[in-house]
Amino acid sequence: MEFWVYFAAKPLFWLIVTLAVFMFATALNKRSGGTPLLHPVLVAMAIIITFLLLTKTSYETYFEGAQFIHFLLGPATVALAVPLFDHFERIKTMWLVLLVACVTGAVSAIVSVLLVGLLFDLPTGVLLSLAPKSVTSPIAIGIVEKIGGFPSLAAGLVLITGAMGCLLSPLIFKLLGVKDDAVKGFSLGLSAHGFGTAYAFEVSAVAGAFAGLAMGMTGLLTAFLLPVVISLMGLI
């Protein structure tokens, strides 16, 4: 017991656990044919949460070790500029279509979830936490902190949205006859943020580049449009 208490209190231990679990989850996903049902992030999350509960370890203790990975979220997002540069010539020819699609997608994502929430008479705090569900976690949490929602709830809803986007996208693409990787990637990045972008890179480099572009554009537009939309709907 003393051995466990000693190592569990060390930040490096939880960093190693996080990396090892994610590597296992990635290998499991590859062995299963890359199914979105076993997305590495979801599997790793479930394993780590179970482990923390079984060992009665607090989130604060765990985060002391995992915060380095949390810090890398920012640089990893910026690094998506590399594939964008590789396909910049094609993106230049489509900029207007992409902008219109992104604005339409961002607004519809916000309005649709708020209308459903109002239909079920959800509390205002929950509604405000639901609104930025389609943008990547750091942006969603930042937005929710500013507008008065619950950051932890927003983070969870972002993960669920990403997982559902990856799960449903193959079926939707098939039903709509979508074959262009650029369209697939942009749709995934717009609706399923980081989850969708990672999944898009498994489709092709083109899909990944457009997914990264959509994720960045959606985050930026949502940060500006969301306060306007919720104000017009009388939520703030």
Protein backbone atom coordinates (compact mmCIF):
# COMPACT_ATOMS: atom_id res chain seq x y z
CA MET A 1 0.00 0.00 0.00
CA GLU A 2 2.81 2.44 0.88
CA PHE A 3 4.41 1.65 -2.49
CA TRP A 4 1.20 2.62 -4.32
CA VAL A 5 0.65 5.79 -2.28
CA TYR A 6 4.22 6.90 -3.05
CA PHE A 7 3.97 6.43 -6.82
CA ALA A 8 0.37 7.63 -7.17
CA ALA A 9 1.40 10.97 -5.69
CA LYS A 10 4.08 11.52 -8.35
CA PRO A 11 3.03 13.62 -11.39
CA LEU A 12 5.27 11.57 -13.71
CA PHE A 13 3.30 8.42 -12.85
CA TRP A 14 0.03 9.82 -14.19
CA LEU A 15 1.73 11.17 -17.30
CA ILE A 16 3.05 7.67 -18.04
CA VAL A 17 -0.36 6.12 -17.30
CA THR A 18 -2.08 8.54 -19.68
CA LEU A 19 0.37 7.89 -22.52
CA ALA A 20 0.32 4.11 -21.99
CA VAL A 21 -3.48 3.95 -21.92
CA PHE A 22 -3.79 6.08 -25.07
CA MET A 23 -1.26 3.90 -26.90
CA PHE A 24 -3.27 0.83 -25.92
CA ALA A 25 -6.53 2.49 -27.03
CA THR A 26 -4.97 3.45 -30.38
CA ALA A 27 -3.75 -0.11 -30.96
CA LEU A 28 -7.19 -1.46 -30.05
CA ASN A 29 -8.84 0.93 -32.49
CA LYS A 30 -6.52 -0.17 -35.30
CA ARG A 31 -7.15 -3.85 -34.54
CA SER A 32 -10.90 -3.20 -34.75
CA GLY A 33 -10.61 -1.61 -38.20
CA GLY A 34 -10.70 2.02 -37.03
CA THR A 35 -14.33 1.95 -35.90
CA PRO A 36 -15.50 5.25 -34.34
CA LEU A 37 -17.19 3.19 -31.60
CA LEU A 38 -13.71 2.49 -30.23
CA HIS A 39 -12.26 5.94 -30.78
CA PRO A 40 -8.93 6.09 -28.88
CA VAL A 41 -9.95 9.19 -26.92
CA LEU A 42 -13.20 7.60 -25.71
CA VAL A 43 -11.58 4.29 -24.81
CA ALA A 44 -8.66 5.97 -23.03
CA MET A 45 -11.05 8.24 -21.16
CA ALA A 46 -13.18 5.32 -19.96
CA ILE A 47 -10.13 3.35 -18.80
CA ILE A 48 -8.55 6.28 -16.95
CA ILE A 49 -11.81 7.29 -15.26
CA THR A 50 -12.34 3.70 -14.11
CA PHE A 51 -8.75 3.54 -12.85
CA LEU A 52 -9.13 6.80 -10.92
CA LEU A 53 -12.35 5.59 -9.31
CA LEU A 54 -10.88 2.22 -8.34
CA THR A 55 -7.76 3.81 -6.83
CA LYS A 56 -9.75 6.67 -5.25
CA THR A 57 -7.44 9.20 -6.86
CA SER A 58 -8.66 12.79 -7.13
CA TYR A 59 -8.78 14.61 -10.45
CA GLU A 60 -6.43 17.26 -9.06
CA THR A 61 -3.76 14.62 -8.33
CA TYR A 62 -4.18 13.11 -11.78
CA PHE A 63 -4.04 16.49 -13.53
CA GLU A 64 -0.70 17.35 -11.92
CA GLY A 65 0.81 14.73 -14.19
CA ALA A 66 -1.49 15.11 -17.19
CA GLN A 67 -1.26 18.91 -17.42
CA PHE A 68 1.73 18.67 -19.77
CA ILE A 69 -0.47 16.86 -22.30
CA HIS A 70 -3.17 19.47 -21.70
CA PHE A 71 -0.63 22.18 -22.52
CA LEU A 72 0.15 20.48 -25.84
CA LEU A 73 -3.45 20.95 -27.03
CA GLY A 74 -2.59 24.47 -28.14
CA PRO A 75 0.58 23.64 -30.11
CA ALA A 76 -1.12 20.60 -31.64
CA THR A 77 -3.94 22.78 -32.92
CA VAL A 78 -1.48 25.30 -34.38
CA ALA A 79 0.43 22.45 -36.06
CA LEU A 80 -2.63 21.83 -38.25
CA ALA A 81 -1.39 24.78 -40.30
CA VAL A 82 1.16 22.47 -41.94
CA PRO A 83 -1.32 20.35 -43.96
CA LEU A 84 -3.28 23.54 -44.70
CA PHE A 85 -0.18 25.03 -46.32
CA ASP A 86 0.28 21.89 -48.42
CA HIS A 87 -3.22 22.31 -49.90
CA PHE A 88 -3.39 26.11 -49.85
CA GLU A 89 -3.80 26.50 -53.62
CA ARG A 90 -6.98 24.43 -53.64
CA ILE A 91 -8.31 26.18 -50.56
CA LYS A 92 -7.84 29.60 -52.24
CA THR A 93 -10.14 28.58 -55.08
CA MET A 94 -12.88 27.54 -52.63
CA TRP A 95 -12.64 30.23 -49.95
CA LEU A 96 -16.08 31.77 -50.51
CA VAL A 97 -17.89 28.42 -50.55
CA LEU A 98 -16.00 27.32 -47.44
CA LEU A 99 -16.80 30.56 -45.61
CA VAL A 100 -20.53 30.35 -46.40
CA ALA A 101 -20.61 26.68 -45.41
CA CYS A 102 -18.82 27.39 -42.15
CA VAL A 103 -21.05 30.31 -41.16
CA THR A 104 -24.16 28.28 -42.00
CA GLY A 105 -22.88 25.25 -40.12
CA ALA A 106 -21.79 27.20 -37.05
CA VAL A 107 -25.06 29.12 -36.75
CA SER A 108 -27.23 26.04 -37.34
CA ALA A 109 -25.23 24.08 -34.74
CA ILE A 110 -25.82 26.78 -32.13
CA VAL A 111 -29.47 27.51 -32.93
CA SER A 112 -30.57 23.88 -33.31
CA VAL A 113 -29.18 22.73 -29.96
CA LEU A 114 -30.59 25.79 -28.17
CA LEU A 115 -34.05 25.24 -29.67
CA VAL A 116 -34.04 21.58 -28.62
CA GLY A 117 -32.87 22.61 -25.15
CA LEU A 118 -35.63 25.21 -24.86
CA LEU A 119 -38.15 22.62 -26.01
CA PHE A 120 -37.17 20.44 -23.05
CA ASP A 121 -37.08 23.46 -20.72
CA LEU A 122 -33.43 23.02 -19.76
CA PRO A 123 -31.89 25.50 -17.28
CA THR A 124 -30.13 28.51 -18.78
CA GLY A 125 -26.73 27.37 -17.52
CA VAL A 126 -27.10 24.04 -19.30
CA LEU A 127 -28.23 25.76 -22.50
CA LEU A 128 -25.21 28.03 -22.46
CA SER A 129 -22.97 24.99 -21.93
CA LEU A 130 -24.60 23.18 -24.85
CA ALA A 131 -24.24 26.05 -27.31
CA PRO A 132 -20.51 25.69 -28.20
CA LYS A 133 -20.64 21.87 -28.43
CA SER A 134 -19.27 21.82 -32.00
CA VAL A 135 -15.98 23.61 -31.33
CA THR A 136 -12.79 22.16 -29.88
CA SER A 137 -12.54 21.88 -26.08
CA PRO A 138 -10.16 24.79 -25.29
CA ILE A 139 -12.32 27.22 -27.28
CA ALA A 140 -15.61 25.83 -25.94
CA ILE A 141 -14.42 26.09 -22.34
CA GLY A 142 -13.18 29.64 -22.90
CA ILE A 143 -16.50 30.68 -24.44
CA VAL A 144 -18.59 29.08 -21.68
CA GLU A 145 -16.52 30.76 -18.96
CA LYS A 146 -17.30 34.14 -20.55
CA ILE A 147 -21.05 33.63 -21.08
CA GLY A 148 -21.82 32.01 -17.73
CA GLY A 149 -22.19 28.29 -18.45
CA PHE A 150 -20.54 25.29 -16.81
CA PRO A 151 -17.05 24.60 -18.25
CA SER A 152 -16.88 20.97 -17.07
CA LEU A 153 -20.28 20.21 -18.63
CA ALA A 154 -19.26 21.96 -21.85
CA ALA A 155 -16.10 19.84 -22.06
CA GLY A 156 -18.12 16.64 -21.70
CA LEU A 157 -20.65 17.73 -24.31
CA VAL A 158 -17.85 18.57 -26.74
CA LEU A 159 -16.49 15.03 -26.38
CA ILE A 160 -19.93 13.49 -26.94
CA THR A 161 -20.48 15.68 -30.01
CA GLY A 162 -17.14 14.66 -31.48
CA ALA A 163 -17.77 10.98 -30.88
CA MET A 164 -21.24 11.14 -32.41
CA GLY A 165 -19.90 13.03 -35.42
CA CYS A 166 -17.30 10.35 -36.11
CA LEU A 167 -19.84 7.58 -35.56
CA LEU A 168 -22.54 8.97 -37.86
CA SER A 169 -20.44 10.59 -40.59
CA PRO A 170 -19.75 7.42 -42.65
CA LEU A 171 -23.48 6.69 -42.84
CA ILE A 172 -24.35 10.30 -43.73
CA PHE A 173 -21.66 10.47 -46.42
CA LYS A 174 -22.96 7.22 -47.89
CA LEU A 175 -26.60 8.36 -47.86
CA LEU A 176 -25.72 11.70 -49.49
CA GLY A 177 -23.26 10.18 -51.94
CA VAL A 178 -20.36 12.33 -50.74
CA LYS A 179 -17.11 11.11 -52.31
CA ASP A 180 -14.89 14.23 -52.28
CA ASP A 181 -12.36 14.00 -49.42
CA ALA A 182 -12.29 17.79 -49.09
CA VAL A 183 -16.04 17.85 -48.42
CA LYS A 184 -15.78 14.94 -46.00
CA GLY A 185 -12.96 16.59 -44.11
CA PHE A 186 -14.57 20.02 -43.92
CA SER A 187 -17.83 18.49 -42.67
CA LEU A 188 -16.02 16.49 -40.00
CA GLY A 189 -13.97 19.45 -38.78
CA LEU A 190 -17.01 21.71 -38.68
CA SER A 191 -19.29 19.34 -36.80
CA ALA A 192 -16.91 17.15 -34.79
CA HIS A 193 -13.90 19.45 -34.10
CA GLY A 194 -10.73 17.61 -32.97
CA PHE A 195 -12.35 14.16 -33.01
CA GLY A 196 -13.50 14.71 -36.57
CA THR A 197 -10.14 16.12 -37.63
CA ALA A 198 -8.27 13.09 -36.29
CA TYR A 199 -10.77 10.82 -38.02
CA ALA A 200 -10.44 12.82 -41.26
CA PHE A 201 -6.67 12.26 -41.34
CA GLU A 202 -7.42 8.53 -41.38
CA VAL A 203 -9.46 9.12 -44.56
CA SER A 204 -6.71 11.08 -46.35
CA ALA A 205 -4.30 14.00 -46.01
CA VAL A 206 -6.70 16.18 -48.03
CA ALA A 207 -9.60 15.38 -45.70
CA GLY A 208 -7.40 16.12 -42.70
CA ALA A 209 -6.28 19.47 -44.08
CA PHE A 210 -9.84 20.62 -44.75
CA ALA A 211 -10.98 19.30 -41.37
CA GLY A 212 -8.28 21.34 -39.63
CA LEU A 213 -9.35 24.43 -41.56
CA ALA A 214 -13.01 23.89 -40.65
CA MET A 215 -12.20 23.32 -36.99
CA GLY A 216 -10.26 26.58 -36.78
CA MET A 217 -12.83 28.59 -38.71
CA THR A 218 -15.73 27.18 -36.69
CA GLY A 219 -14.00 27.98 -33.42
CA LEU A 220 -13.31 31.56 -34.50
CA LEU A 221 -16.78 32.19 -35.91
CA THR A 222 -18.51 30.59 -32.92
CA ALA A 223 -16.58 32.81 -30.52
CA PHE A 224 -17.98 35.88 -32.32
CA LEU A 225 -21.44 34.60 -33.29
CA LEU A 226 -22.48 32.75 -30.13
CA PRO A 227 -22.86 35.82 -27.88
CA VAL A 228 -24.97 37.49 -30.59
CA VAL A 229 -27.23 34.45 -31.04
CA ILE A 230 -27.85 33.86 -27.33
CA SER A 231 -28.49 37.57 -26.85
CA LEU A 232 -31.07 37.58 -29.65
CA MET A 233 -32.70 34.52 -28.07
CA GLY A 234 -32.88 36.29 -24.71
CA LEU A 235 -30.60 33.89 -22.84
CA ILE A 236 -28.30 36.62 -21.51
